[in-house]
Each structure stands twice: as C-alpha cells, then as structure tokens.
Amino acid sequence: MNSLEKTQALETAYNDIPYTSVAFPHCQPNRLQALAKLKGLNPPELDNARVLEIGCSFGGNLIPFAIRYPNSQIVGIDLSEIQINIGQKMMQEIGLNNVHLVAADISKVNFENLQFDYIICHGVFSWIPEFVQNAILQLIQTYLTPNGVAFISYNAYPGWHLKDMVKELMQFGTSSDIHHYERIDQAKELFAQTETLLERFHPQTKPEFSRIAQHIQDADKYYVAHEYLEEINQPFYFHQFIKKITPYGLGYITDTSLPSTKTLNIFSGEKYEQLCQYFHRDIVKIEQYTDFINQRPFRCSILTHQHNLNGYNIDKYDMVHEFYELYIKGNLTKSDDNSHWLLPNGNQAFASFPLSDELAKVLNENTVPYPIKELFPLLAKNEEDKNTLTKLLVALVHQESMYISYHTEELAPFGEYPKLSDKFERLIKFVKDNPNITKLSSIYGQPIEFNVFTLYLVKHLDGNHSLDALNNIIRKAFENDELTLNREGKPVPYAEIQDKEISDMLNGTLQYLQNLGYFNNYNEEQQC
C-alpha cells in the first residue's frame, strides 16, 4: 500500500473499532512537569499551559486537565473524523471551552505560529506507518516550546518478543474473513490447544504464554483487536527509539511508567557502578541493558529538545532535583499475605516493615497530595531512617499510579447542601449516557467507576437538598426497591435497614466525591 492507502486503512480501522477514550494518569501534564523538574529541567507552568494530544480519540484523556486548568489551551488531533465529531459534542456538553478537537492527518497538519508546552502521543507510535512516525517527530521538533516536554509511548523489545509470537499465532490461526471480535473469541480454543501442547513439549514457555493468553481474554476487545490483529504494530528496542528521535533534535529525559534504572533495585552499590563503567556512563545503553534484564514490553518516554540536556549523563540522570518540594498522593493496600504494600494499580510497591507501614499510613490517611518535605520530620528518627525513606519515596514517585505534582490541591467540602461542580455533573451524565465513549476520572487523572448507590445519589446533588433531605430520599429509594442494601452478600429487607446505615452510606459517598474533587469549581479567575 502507498502512504495514502495506509492512512485510509488506519482511519477505517479506528472508525470501525474505536477505543473507549479514558484518562491516563501517567501522561497527564502534571506528571510530565513533575518528572522533568525532578531531572533538573525547567518545564512550563501548568496554569496557562498549551497542550497538544496526538491521536486523542474522543478526547477523554484531556478532560481532567481541562477541568482543573480552565486557562489552559488544549488541542486534540485524530485521524478519525467520527471520533472527533463525537468528542466535540462531548466537550460542548461538559462545558469545556478550552478544548479544541481537530480531525486531521498528522503528516499534513500545520499549526502555523502556535507552539505547545506539552505534547502527548500515547498509544499511537507503534501502530502507525514509519512516515507518520517521522511526521510526529517533526511536529514535536517544530511546535514544542523551547523548554517544553513531550511524551511518546510505544511497545518495546525485548519484552514484546513472546507477545509477537502470540500475535502472529492469532493472525495465523483465526479466520481473517470474520470480524475481529469473532476472531478474538475463536482464539480462545486456539490458546487452549496451544497451552496443552506447550505443557508437553516446551513446559518452560507455557507459563509466560498462558499469562499473555489470559491477558488477551480478560482485556477489552477493542484493545485486543488493535494490539494483536491489526497489520501494523512495531515495537522498538529503546536504543532504536533514541536513534530515531535524535535527528529531530530531541532527547530523552526519563520514563513515566516505571522507576528509573537505579530505583528498579536490580542493581545497587558496587554492581551499579560497575554497570555504569562498563557502558561508559551512557544512559541509553544502561537503560537498554536494564530492559533486557526485566524484559520490559512497553515504554512511556518523556522527551525535550536536546539543548535542554547538555551534559546530561547517567550521574545527572540518577540525581533527584527539587525532591522536597514535591507533593505525592496515592492509596496503598497490603498484599494478601501482608508481606508487601501494593500500589493503586495492584503492583508491588515495597516490602512491609515498620517505616514503610508508617509511610503507607500517612499517605492513606490524607485525601490531598502530601508534601514530601513534611514526611521526614514526621517519620525519620535518624539518618538511617532518612536514607530508607528517601529510597521508598523515590521509588514511589516513579510509579505511574501515584500522583505527583509541584502543586497542592484544596478540596471544596460538600457542605450542608451538597452541589456537584457543574462540569463534573455534566461529565457524569455524559458517561452514564455514553459508557463506550469515555469514563470518569478524578481531578488527578485517576480512572474511577461509580457503584449503583453513587450513581443514584449524584442525581440529587444539585444544591437544593439538605443532608437530612438526602437521607430521606435514600430511605425512600430503599423502600421502593430502587436501591438494595447487602450484608455479607445478601439483600437486607427494608424493615431491617437502620438509619445509621443510610447516614453512613450517604456521608461516606459524599466524602468519596469530595476526595475526587467533584465539588471543586474551577474558573478562570482562580486556579489551583
């Protein structure tokens, strides 16, 4: 196919099977700014930031930032005119006047004199032809402000090698003349047969194959269709990606989705220094070597203009700048065996021991981002504690499911007559009516889902009902079987529902909405 035919094929594929457009916390501008500052750079401020997202789909990833920063100027561009038209309608219904969505071919777009402080390209780069990849890099070189920050995610080798085999097996072993969703269903039998034979002939391969096969069966079908059944899916070795961006005057800062090399705890002390010397302190070679060790399958790389990275070597890369000015937020939970603390996304954060337990307790008890500088006098009793706490926090801030920022956040209380912010109220309604277009998220960009009780309650949070009135509304809903209360998995008869249970449910849900920032009203006169 020529370039025009490839572009048309891409547009058709995403029009036929669109992604649900959700917020991704690891590529929100807050996180990009924070990580760039941690690496010693001076990225643009957020209040009036100009943000571009390439491949924005319906624009769901832009919503949290657009609500929180109404003075920002945000542009989303996507090849799919159908998705852009729906996204424009969504922004209009929510009331986001600072978001402009454009249907266009990225290889032909011209922003004239407009430049962007933050450019986001998530879930695009590996799934497009090379000439479009080059067009994206050219666009970043041209339209990124001098101290701006860009984000590009891509599938990575060596971790994708076995996934490549599974992808090719799916494409070979399922019928190409049926819909992708039917092919995904068909692949279940193929996977089962393959696992049986691997157990017999290649038992060492079976566990990883089974893990990938299970992931495919559990994932959303639209994701699997594009990830495993589309013609184009090009993973990169990290060093190949760096070689690709270099001619465009772009350089690598760090990644947003995993700890940097030193915080992976793969190497430390003398072994780490030996590694640095072996690779002549070259960041790219050291990072690439680490990818071989941990079989990394995906990268989320932060970039900037090369002139911002003069003298940037592995020693500067491992340094943490303005660390004590950072704020951090995220709930941690204990593993089933109580041996580790788990991140919001379920991955392990660190082992459980007295100091890490105290850190988790403080983070879990605070509903707003907590200043790191206040954690040390609170938790560190001696120099050893201080060093341990520093290691724990540095590891945490590099985890994608933890929120980090150089700005705190004040949460508006729900008050006696709770009223949701207008924009969040409209967003909730839009998501309820269009669940396949986008999902809800907090002001921090963390995806969320409401339960039945919350969805019922938010309809009445218009500022016209007192807390007592809301209690009565909820009791009436239980009486009329509009809501059901369960205890130990069994429905409770209405006559047995206690007033305190209703009051606790109401106040707990209002506090939950408050913690999400859904009572915050952001306007052009007052920013966080």
Protein backbone atom coordinates (compact mmCIF):
# COMPACT_ATOMS: atom_id res chain seq x y z
CA MET A 1 0.00 0.00 0.00
CA ASN A 2 1.13 3.56 -0.64
CA SER A 3 1.05 6.21 2.10
CA LEU A 4 -2.46 7.40 1.22
CA GLU A 5 -3.84 3.86 1.31
CA LYS A 6 -2.14 3.18 4.66
CA THR A 7 -3.64 6.36 6.11
CA GLN A 8 -7.11 5.46 4.84
CA ALA A 9 -6.77 1.92 6.25
CA LEU A 10 -5.85 3.34 9.66
CA GLU A 11 -8.83 5.70 9.64
CA THR A 12 -11.18 2.86 8.69
CA ALA A 13 -9.80 0.57 11.41
CA TYR A 14 -10.35 3.10 14.19
CA ASN A 15 -13.73 4.21 12.86
CA ASP A 16 -14.89 0.57 12.80
CA ILE A 17 -13.47 -0.33 16.23
CA PRO A 18 -12.96 2.81 18.34
CA TYR A 19 -11.19 2.80 21.68
CA THR A 20 -13.05 3.92 24.78
CA SER A 21 -11.24 7.19 25.47
CA VAL A 22 -10.13 7.34 29.11
CA ALA A 23 -7.76 9.37 31.26
CA PHE A 24 -4.22 8.04 31.61
CA PRO A 25 -2.56 9.29 34.81
CA HIS A 26 0.97 8.57 33.60
CA CYS A 27 0.77 11.09 30.75
CA GLN A 28 -1.11 13.94 32.42
CA PRO A 29 0.82 17.24 32.13
CA ASN A 30 1.13 17.41 35.94
CA ARG A 31 3.19 14.23 35.94
CA LEU A 32 5.26 15.23 32.91
CA GLN A 33 6.12 18.55 34.57
CA ALA A 34 6.98 16.93 37.89
CA LEU A 35 9.30 14.29 36.40
CA ALA A 36 11.05 16.87 34.21
CA LYS A 37 11.68 19.04 37.28
CA LEU A 38 12.96 16.04 39.20
CA LYS A 39 15.54 15.60 36.44
CA GLY A 40 16.73 19.19 36.82
CA LEU A 41 14.84 20.81 33.94
CA ASN A 42 12.62 23.90 33.96
CA PRO A 43 9.37 22.84 32.24
CA PRO A 44 6.48 25.26 31.62
CA GLU A 45 3.95 26.11 34.32
CA LEU A 46 0.55 24.45 34.14
CA ASP A 47 -1.97 27.26 34.76
CA ASN A 48 -1.82 28.64 31.22
CA ALA A 49 -0.22 25.67 29.52
CA ARG A 50 -0.83 24.87 25.87
CA VAL A 51 -1.30 21.14 25.46
CA LEU A 52 -1.49 19.02 22.30
CA GLU A 53 -2.54 15.38 22.21
CA ILE A 54 -1.78 13.42 19.04
CA GLY A 55 -4.22 10.55 18.49
CA CYS A 56 -6.70 11.85 21.06
CA SER A 57 -9.65 9.64 20.02
CA PHE A 58 -12.76 11.17 21.65
CA GLY A 59 -10.57 13.36 23.91
CA GLY A 60 -11.18 11.53 27.20
CA ASN A 61 -7.54 11.83 28.32
CA LEU A 62 -7.77 15.63 28.12
CA ILE A 63 -10.81 16.07 30.37
CA PRO A 64 -9.23 16.07 33.89
CA PHE A 65 -6.61 18.65 32.97
CA ALA A 66 -9.09 20.79 31.02
CA ILE A 67 -11.46 20.96 34.01
CA ARG A 68 -8.73 21.68 36.55
CA TYR A 69 -6.93 24.27 34.42
CA PRO A 70 -9.59 26.36 32.64
CA ASN A 71 -6.97 28.91 31.50
CA SER A 72 -5.10 26.23 29.56
CA GLN A 73 -5.38 25.91 25.78
CA ILE A 74 -5.81 22.30 24.70
CA VAL A 75 -5.83 20.81 21.21
CA GLY A 76 -6.55 17.19 20.37
CA ILE A 77 -5.96 15.78 16.90
CA ASP A 78 -7.05 12.43 15.50
CA LEU A 79 -7.40 10.84 12.07
CA SER A 80 -10.91 9.58 12.83
CA GLU A 81 -13.46 12.22 11.89
CA ILE A 82 -16.22 10.16 13.53
CA GLN A 83 -14.46 10.13 16.90
CA ILE A 84 -13.57 13.82 16.68
CA ASN A 85 -17.18 14.79 15.92
CA ILE A 86 -18.40 12.82 18.94
CA GLY A 87 -15.60 14.25 21.07
CA GLN A 88 -16.52 17.81 20.10
CA LYS A 89 -20.10 17.15 21.14
CA MET A 90 -18.85 15.70 24.45
CA MET A 91 -16.70 18.75 25.22
CA GLN A 92 -19.63 21.02 24.42
CA GLU A 93 -21.98 19.09 26.70
CA ILE A 94 -19.47 19.12 29.58
CA GLY A 95 -18.78 22.83 29.03
CA LEU A 96 -15.06 22.60 28.24
CA ASN A 97 -14.45 25.68 26.12
CA ASN A 98 -10.67 25.36 26.41
CA VAL A 99 -10.53 22.11 24.37
CA HIS A 100 -10.45 22.16 20.58
CA LEU A 101 -10.57 18.80 18.77
CA VAL A 102 -9.45 18.53 15.15
CA ALA A 103 -9.87 15.72 12.61
CA ALA A 104 -6.72 15.72 10.50
CA ASP A 105 -3.85 13.69 9.09
CA ILE A 106 -0.92 14.38 11.42
CA SER A 107 1.51 14.19 8.50
CA LYS A 108 -0.24 17.19 6.90
CA VAL A 109 -1.24 19.36 9.86
CA ASN A 110 0.02 22.94 10.18
CA PHE A 111 -0.34 24.91 13.41
CA GLU A 112 1.42 27.97 11.89
CA ASN A 113 2.88 30.04 14.78
CA LEU A 114 1.20 28.12 17.62
CA GLN A 115 3.51 26.21 19.96
CA PHE A 116 2.73 23.76 22.75
CA ASP A 117 4.24 23.36 26.22
CA TYR A 118 3.23 19.71 26.50
CA ILE A 119 2.73 17.29 23.60
CA ILE A 120 1.23 13.86 24.35
CA CYS A 121 1.31 10.90 21.98
CA HIS A 122 0.01 7.85 23.82
CA GLY A 123 -0.87 4.53 22.20
CA VAL A 124 -0.04 5.74 18.69
CA PHE A 125 3.63 5.49 17.77
CA SER A 126 3.98 1.70 17.40
CA TRP A 127 0.73 1.39 15.48
CA ILE A 128 1.33 3.74 12.55
CA PRO A 129 3.49 3.63 9.39
CA GLU A 130 7.06 4.92 9.57
CA PHE A 131 6.29 8.05 7.53
CA VAL A 132 3.67 9.05 10.14
CA GLN A 133 6.14 8.35 12.97
CA ASN A 134 8.57 10.71 11.30
CA ALA A 135 5.83 13.31 10.85
CA ILE A 136 5.08 13.17 14.59
CA LEU A 137 8.73 13.69 15.48
CA GLN A 138 8.94 16.56 13.02
CA LEU A 139 5.82 18.11 14.56
CA ILE A 140 7.29 17.85 18.07
CA GLN A 141 10.55 19.43 16.90
CA THR A 142 8.64 22.29 15.25
CA TYR A 143 5.83 23.01 17.68
CA LEU A 144 7.24 22.16 21.14
CA THR A 145 8.16 25.30 23.09
CA PRO A 146 11.90 25.72 23.87
CA ASN A 147 11.54 24.30 27.40
CA GLY A 148 8.53 22.11 26.56
CA VAL A 149 8.06 18.43 27.34
CA ALA A 150 6.78 15.69 25.03
CA PHE A 151 5.54 12.18 25.79
CA ILE A 152 5.60 9.17 23.45
CA SER A 153 4.59 5.63 24.40
CA TYR A 154 5.46 2.54 22.36
CA ASN A 155 5.71 -1.23 22.57
CA ALA A 156 9.22 -2.27 23.47
CA TYR A 157 11.57 -5.14 22.86
CA PRO A 158 12.73 -7.45 24.27
CA GLY A 159 9.55 -7.80 26.32
CA TRP A 160 7.34 -7.88 23.23
CA HIS A 161 9.09 -10.81 21.53
CA LEU A 162 6.84 -13.50 23.01
CA LYS A 163 3.81 -11.25 22.52
CA ASP A 164 4.84 -11.04 18.86
CA MET A 165 4.63 -14.82 18.67
CA VAL A 166 1.16 -14.81 20.26
CA LYS A 167 0.06 -12.03 17.89
CA GLU A 168 1.29 -13.96 14.86
CA LEU A 169 -0.38 -17.14 16.18
CA MET A 170 -3.70 -15.28 16.49
CA GLN A 171 -3.41 -13.85 12.98
CA PHE A 172 -2.39 -17.22 11.52
CA GLY A 173 -4.76 -19.45 13.47
CA THR A 174 -8.03 -17.50 13.27
CA SER A 175 -10.24 -16.74 10.26
CA SER A 176 -9.26 -13.48 8.58
CA ASP A 177 -12.66 -13.11 6.88
CA ILE A 178 -14.66 -12.63 10.09
CA HIS A 179 -14.95 -9.62 12.40
CA HIS A 180 -12.02 -9.01 14.75
CA TYR A 181 -14.24 -9.62 17.79
CA GLU A 182 -15.20 -13.05 16.45
CA ARG A 183 -11.52 -13.81 15.84
CA ILE A 184 -10.79 -12.98 19.47
CA ASP A 185 -13.46 -15.47 20.58
CA GLN A 186 -12.07 -18.02 18.15
CA ALA A 187 -8.59 -17.59 19.61
CA LYS A 188 -9.71 -18.97 22.99
CA GLU A 189 -9.85 -22.52 21.64
CA LEU A 190 -6.55 -21.98 19.82
CA PHE A 191 -4.90 -20.82 23.04
CA ALA A 192 -6.22 -23.81 25.00
CA GLN A 193 -4.84 -26.26 22.44
CA THR A 194 -1.51 -24.44 22.35
CA GLU A 195 -1.15 -24.43 26.14
CA THR A 196 -1.75 -28.21 26.23
CA LEU A 197 0.97 -28.84 23.64
CA LEU A 198 3.42 -26.39 25.25
CA GLU A 199 2.96 -28.18 28.56
CA ARG A 200 4.09 -31.37 26.85
CA PHE A 201 6.84 -30.17 24.52
CA HIS A 202 8.01 -26.75 25.83
CA PRO A 203 6.99 -26.52 29.51
CA GLN A 204 9.43 -23.66 30.11
CA THR A 205 7.48 -21.46 27.65
CA LYS A 206 3.98 -22.32 28.83
CA PRO A 207 3.71 -20.07 31.96
CA GLU A 208 4.50 -16.86 30.07
CA PHE A 209 2.35 -17.89 27.09
CA SER A 210 -0.55 -18.62 29.45
CA ARG A 211 -0.12 -15.24 31.13
CA ILE A 212 -0.32 -13.41 27.78
CA ALA A 213 -3.24 -15.54 26.60
CA GLN A 214 -5.15 -14.84 29.82
CA HIS A 215 -4.43 -11.12 29.49
CA ILE A 216 -5.89 -11.17 25.96
CA GLN A 217 -9.02 -12.95 27.15
CA ASP A 218 -9.50 -10.54 30.07
CA ALA A 219 -8.81 -7.31 28.15
CA ASP A 220 -11.36 -5.16 26.32
CA LYS A 221 -11.94 -6.48 22.82
CA TYR A 222 -11.27 -3.12 21.17
CA TYR A 223 -7.80 -3.14 22.73
CA VAL A 224 -7.05 -6.71 21.63
CA ALA A 225 -8.33 -6.03 18.10
CA HIS A 226 -5.87 -3.18 17.55
CA GLU A 227 -2.99 -4.63 19.56
CA TYR A 228 -2.96 -8.16 18.16
CA LEU A 229 -4.95 -8.21 14.90
CA GLU A 230 -4.03 -5.00 13.08
CA GLU A 231 -1.37 -5.12 10.38
CA ILE A 232 0.90 -2.52 11.99
CA ASN A 233 2.34 -3.00 15.46
CA GLN A 234 6.03 -2.14 15.57
CA PRO A 235 7.84 -2.49 18.92
CA PHE A 236 11.21 -0.78 19.34
CA TYR A 237 14.30 -1.51 21.32
CA PHE A 238 14.94 1.55 23.46
CA HIS A 239 18.19 2.33 21.67
CA GLN A 240 16.36 2.16 18.33
CA PHE A 241 13.80 4.67 19.54
CA ILE A 242 16.53 7.05 20.72
CA LYS A 243 18.30 6.71 17.37
CA LYS A 244 15.00 7.57 15.68
CA ILE A 245 14.34 10.77 17.67
CA THR A 246 17.92 12.12 17.61
CA PRO A 247 17.87 13.61 14.05
CA TYR A 248 14.88 15.72 15.12
CA GLY A 249 16.84 17.45 17.86
CA LEU A 250 15.01 15.57 20.60
CA GLY A 251 16.49 13.94 23.68
CA TYR A 252 15.38 11.53 26.40
CA ILE A 253 14.59 12.74 29.93
CA THR A 254 13.09 9.70 31.68
CA ASP A 255 10.10 7.36 31.59
CA THR A 256 6.78 7.93 33.36
CA SER A 257 5.59 4.38 33.86
CA LEU A 258 8.39 2.59 35.73
CA PRO A 259 11.19 3.58 38.09
CA SER A 260 14.43 4.76 36.57
CA THR A 261 17.29 2.29 36.34
CA LYS A 262 18.67 2.92 39.81
CA THR A 263 15.30 2.61 41.56
CA LEU A 264 14.48 -0.75 39.98
CA ASN A 265 16.54 -2.41 42.72
CA ILE A 266 18.08 -4.66 40.06
CA PHE A 267 21.47 -3.04 40.56
CA SER A 268 22.81 -1.18 43.57
CA GLY A 269 26.08 -0.08 45.09
CA GLU A 270 29.20 -1.59 43.59
CA LYS A 271 27.33 -3.60 40.94
CA TYR A 272 25.58 -0.50 39.68
CA GLU A 273 28.85 1.43 39.44
CA GLN A 274 30.42 -1.48 37.54
CA LEU A 275 27.50 -1.39 35.12
CA CYS A 276 27.92 2.36 34.58
CA GLN A 277 31.61 1.95 33.90
CA TYR A 278 31.07 -0.98 31.53
CA PHE A 279 28.72 1.11 29.39
CA HIS A 280 30.85 4.27 29.75
CA ARG A 281 28.10 6.01 31.75
CA ASP A 282 25.86 6.08 28.65
CA ILE A 283 22.21 6.49 29.74
CA VAL A 284 20.79 4.82 26.65
CA LYS A 285 23.00 1.73 26.89
CA ILE A 286 22.37 1.34 30.63
CA GLU A 287 18.61 1.72 30.21
CA GLN A 288 18.63 -0.71 27.28
CA TYR A 289 20.60 -3.26 29.26
CA THR A 290 18.09 -2.98 32.09
CA ASP A 291 15.27 -3.63 29.61
CA PHE A 292 16.99 -6.91 28.72
CA ILE A 293 17.13 -7.86 32.39
CA ASN A 294 13.49 -7.09 33.21
CA GLN A 295 12.05 -7.98 29.77
CA ARG A 296 10.30 -4.62 29.51
CA PRO A 297 7.39 -4.72 26.98
CA PHE A 298 6.28 -1.07 26.99
CA ARG A 299 7.85 2.35 27.40
CA CYS A 300 6.42 5.79 28.14
CA SER A 301 9.28 8.14 27.33
CA ILE A 302 9.48 11.84 28.20
CA LEU A 303 11.40 13.95 25.70
CA THR A 304 12.56 17.52 25.24
CA HIS A 305 14.80 19.50 22.89
CA GLN A 306 18.41 18.33 23.04
CA HIS A 307 19.64 21.80 24.03
CA ASN A 308 17.91 21.31 27.41
CA LEU A 309 20.02 18.21 28.08
CA ASN A 310 23.59 19.47 27.65
CA GLY A 311 25.88 17.46 29.92
CA TYR A 312 23.05 15.07 30.82
CA ASN A 313 24.78 11.79 31.73
CA ILE A 314 23.93 8.84 33.95
CA ASP A 315 25.14 10.65 37.07
CA LYS A 316 22.82 13.61 36.47
CA TYR A 317 20.08 11.22 35.38
CA ASP A 318 20.23 9.46 38.76
CA MET A 319 20.08 12.75 40.69
CA VAL A 320 16.75 13.95 42.06
CA HIS A 321 16.18 17.72 41.94
CA GLU A 322 13.63 19.75 43.94
CA PHE A 323 12.62 16.49 45.58
CA TYR A 324 11.50 18.07 48.85
CA GLU A 325 9.17 20.49 47.04
CA LEU A 326 7.17 17.63 45.56
CA TYR A 327 3.68 16.53 46.62
CA ILE A 328 2.60 12.89 46.43
CA LYS A 329 -0.74 11.10 46.63
CA GLY A 330 -1.88 7.50 46.29
CA ASN A 331 -3.55 4.83 48.38
CA LEU A 332 -1.52 1.73 49.21
CA THR A 333 -3.00 -1.61 50.27
CA LYS A 334 -1.48 -4.66 51.92
CA SER A 335 -0.91 -7.84 49.92
CA ASP A 336 -2.97 -10.89 50.89
CA ASP A 337 -0.09 -12.29 52.90
CA ASN A 338 0.69 -8.87 54.48
CA SER A 339 4.29 -9.05 53.26
CA HIS A 340 4.14 -6.10 50.84
CA TRP A 341 2.38 -2.84 50.12
CA LEU A 342 0.60 -2.67 46.78
CA LEU A 343 0.17 0.35 44.51
CA PRO A 344 -3.25 1.61 43.34
CA ASN A 345 -2.83 -0.47 40.16
CA GLY A 346 -2.16 -3.65 42.18
CA ASN A 347 1.59 -3.87 41.54
CA GLN A 348 4.03 -4.25 44.42
CA ALA A 349 5.39 -1.00 45.85
CA PHE A 350 7.74 -2.22 48.58
CA ALA A 351 8.03 -4.69 51.44
CA SER A 352 6.13 -4.16 54.67
CA PHE A 353 8.29 -3.12 57.64
CA PRO A 354 7.75 -0.52 60.39
CA LEU A 355 8.91 2.55 58.44
CA SER A 356 7.15 1.60 55.20
CA ASP A 357 4.00 0.83 57.21
CA GLU A 358 4.09 4.32 58.74
CA LEU A 359 4.60 5.90 55.31
CA ALA A 360 1.65 4.00 53.86
CA LYS A 361 -0.49 5.01 56.84
CA VAL A 362 0.23 8.73 56.31
CA LEU A 363 -0.44 8.56 52.57
CA ASN A 364 -3.66 6.61 53.07
CA GLU A 365 -4.99 8.99 55.72
CA ASN A 366 -4.50 12.11 53.60
CA THR A 367 -7.05 12.99 50.96
CA VAL A 368 -4.87 15.57 49.18
CA PRO A 369 -1.30 15.38 47.84
CA TYR A 370 1.09 15.31 50.80
CA PRO A 371 4.29 17.44 50.88
CA ILE A 372 7.32 15.17 50.84
CA LYS A 373 9.36 17.60 52.95
CA GLU A 374 6.92 17.11 55.86
CA LEU A 375 7.30 13.32 55.80
CA PHE A 376 10.90 13.38 57.00
CA PRO A 377 10.47 15.12 60.37
CA LEU A 378 7.32 13.06 60.87
CA LEU A 379 8.74 9.59 60.11
CA ALA A 380 12.56 9.67 60.07
CA LYS A 381 14.01 9.29 63.58
CA ASN A 382 17.66 9.02 62.50
CA GLU A 383 19.94 9.14 59.46
CA GLU A 384 19.27 5.51 58.57
CA ASP A 385 15.51 6.19 58.56
CA LYS A 386 16.06 9.25 56.38
CA ASN A 387 18.01 7.25 53.80
CA THR A 388 15.44 4.45 53.79
CA LEU A 389 12.53 6.90 53.50
CA THR A 390 14.24 8.66 50.60
CA LYS A 391 14.62 5.36 48.73
CA LEU A 392 10.96 4.47 49.35
CA LEU A 393 9.72 7.85 48.14
CA VAL A 394 11.96 7.99 45.08
CA ALA A 395 10.63 4.59 44.07
CA LEU A 396 7.03 5.72 44.68
CA VAL A 397 7.21 8.93 42.65
CA HIS A 398 8.37 6.92 39.63
CA GLN A 399 5.32 4.66 39.75
CA GLU A 400 2.66 5.63 37.21
CA SER A 401 -0.30 5.03 39.52
CA MET A 402 0.99 7.50 42.12
CA TYR A 403 0.04 11.15 41.64
CA ILE A 404 2.91 13.63 41.89
CA SER A 405 2.93 17.38 41.39
CA TYR A 406 4.63 20.59 42.49
CA HIS A 407 1.22 22.00 43.35
CA THR A 408 -1.01 21.12 46.27
CA GLU A 409 -4.78 20.89 45.96
CA GLU A 410 -7.58 22.19 48.14
CA LEU A 411 -10.78 20.17 48.19
CA ALA A 412 -14.09 22.03 48.46
CA PRO A 413 -16.25 20.48 51.21
CA PHE A 414 -19.64 19.06 50.26
CA GLY A 415 -21.39 21.18 52.92
CA GLU A 416 -24.95 21.09 54.23
CA TYR A 417 -26.50 21.39 50.75
CA PRO A 418 -24.14 19.35 48.54
CA LYS A 419 -23.79 20.53 44.95
CA LEU A 420 -21.52 18.90 42.39
CA SER A 421 -19.36 21.11 40.21
CA ASP A 422 -21.28 21.87 37.02
CA LYS A 423 -18.64 20.32 34.76
CA PHE A 424 -18.39 17.13 36.80
CA GLU A 425 -22.17 16.89 36.96
CA ARG A 426 -22.33 17.11 33.16
CA LEU A 427 -19.44 14.65 32.79
CA ILE A 428 -21.23 12.09 34.99
CA LYS A 429 -24.38 12.43 32.89
CA PHE A 430 -22.45 12.09 29.63
CA VAL A 431 -20.62 8.95 30.82
CA LYS A 432 -23.87 7.42 32.06
CA ASP A 433 -25.49 8.00 28.65
CA ASN A 434 -22.35 7.10 26.64
CA PRO A 435 -20.36 4.45 28.56
CA ASN A 436 -18.38 3.37 25.47
CA ILE A 437 -17.10 6.88 24.70
CA THR A 438 -15.25 7.82 27.89
CA LYS A 439 -15.00 7.03 31.59
CA LEU A 440 -14.94 9.06 34.79
CA SER A 441 -11.72 10.16 36.46
CA SER A 442 -10.68 12.21 39.47
CA ILE A 443 -9.15 15.68 39.25
CA TYR A 444 -5.80 13.87 39.42
CA GLY A 445 -6.49 11.91 36.22
CA GLN A 446 -7.07 8.61 38.04
CA PRO A 447 -9.80 6.49 36.34
CA ILE A 448 -12.78 5.66 38.56
CA GLU A 449 -16.12 3.87 38.37
CA PHE A 450 -19.23 4.68 40.36
CA ASN A 451 -21.28 1.99 42.04
CA VAL A 452 -25.09 1.90 41.85
CA PHE A 453 -25.55 3.86 45.06
CA THR A 454 -23.22 6.66 43.95
CA LEU A 455 -24.93 6.91 40.56
CA TYR A 456 -28.28 7.24 42.31
CA LEU A 457 -27.02 9.83 44.79
CA VAL A 458 -25.32 12.17 42.30
CA LYS A 459 -28.66 12.83 40.59
CA HIS A 460 -29.76 14.65 43.74
CA LEU A 461 -26.58 16.65 44.44
CA ASP A 462 -27.89 19.88 42.89
CA GLY A 463 -27.59 22.13 45.94
CA ASN A 464 -31.32 22.05 46.61
CA HIS A 465 -31.32 19.15 49.08
CA SER A 466 -30.00 19.28 52.63
CA LEU A 467 -28.23 16.29 54.18
CA ASP A 468 -31.43 15.42 56.04
CA ALA A 469 -33.43 15.59 52.80
CA LEU A 470 -30.89 13.36 51.07
CA ASN A 471 -31.21 10.82 53.90
CA ASN A 472 -34.97 10.76 53.34
CA ILE A 473 -34.57 10.42 49.56
CA ILE A 474 -32.25 7.46 50.01
CA ARG A 475 -34.54 5.75 52.54
CA LYS A 476 -37.43 6.16 50.11
CA ALA A 477 -35.32 4.60 47.37
CA PHE A 478 -34.69 1.54 49.54
CA GLU A 479 -38.38 1.35 50.39
CA ASN A 480 -39.34 1.46 46.69
CA ASP A 481 -36.66 -1.12 45.73
CA GLU A 482 -34.77 1.46 43.65
CA LEU A 483 -31.74 0.63 45.80
CA THR A 484 -30.69 -2.57 47.56
CA LEU A 485 -28.56 -2.89 50.69
CA ASN A 486 -26.46 -6.04 51.00
CA ARG A 487 -24.91 -7.53 54.10
CA GLU A 488 -22.44 -10.38 53.59
CA GLY A 489 -23.64 -10.69 50.00
CA LYS A 490 -27.33 -10.98 50.87
CA PRO A 491 -30.04 -8.33 50.35
CA VAL A 492 -31.41 -6.77 53.55
CA PRO A 493 -35.22 -6.37 53.90
CA TYR A 494 -36.23 -2.71 54.03
CA ALA A 495 -37.64 -3.02 57.57
CA GLU A 496 -34.21 -4.09 58.87
CA ILE A 497 -32.25 -1.17 57.35
CA GLN A 498 -31.01 1.08 60.16
CA ASP A 499 -30.93 4.90 59.97
CA LYS A 500 -27.23 4.83 60.81
CA GLU A 501 -26.52 2.57 57.84
CA ILE A 502 -28.16 5.06 55.49
CA SER A 503 -26.41 8.00 57.12
CA ASP A 504 -23.02 6.24 56.93
CA MET A 505 -23.56 5.38 53.26
CA LEU A 506 -24.51 8.96 52.45
CA ASN A 507 -21.63 10.60 54.30
CA GLY A 508 -19.11 8.05 53.07
CA THR A 509 -20.14 8.60 49.46
CA LEU A 510 -20.12 12.39 49.82
CA GLN A 511 -16.63 12.20 51.32
CA TYR A 512 -15.55 9.96 48.42
CA LEU A 513 -16.86 12.51 45.89
CA GLN A 514 -15.15 15.31 47.81
CA ASN A 515 -11.84 13.42 47.70
CA LEU A 516 -12.24 13.07 43.92
CA GLY A 517 -12.55 16.87 43.69
CA TYR A 518 -16.10 16.71 42.35
CA PHE A 519 -17.27 19.66 44.48
CA ASN A 520 -14.39 21.87 43.27
CA ASN A 521 -15.37 24.70 40.97
CA TYR A 522 -12.51 25.80 38.74
CA ASN A 523 -12.81 29.06 36.87
CA GLU A 524 -10.58 31.46 35.00
CA GLU A 525 -10.16 33.78 37.99
CA GLN A 526 -8.94 31.13 40.44
CA GLN A 527 -6.64 28.22 39.64
CA CYS A 528 -5.11 25.60 41.86
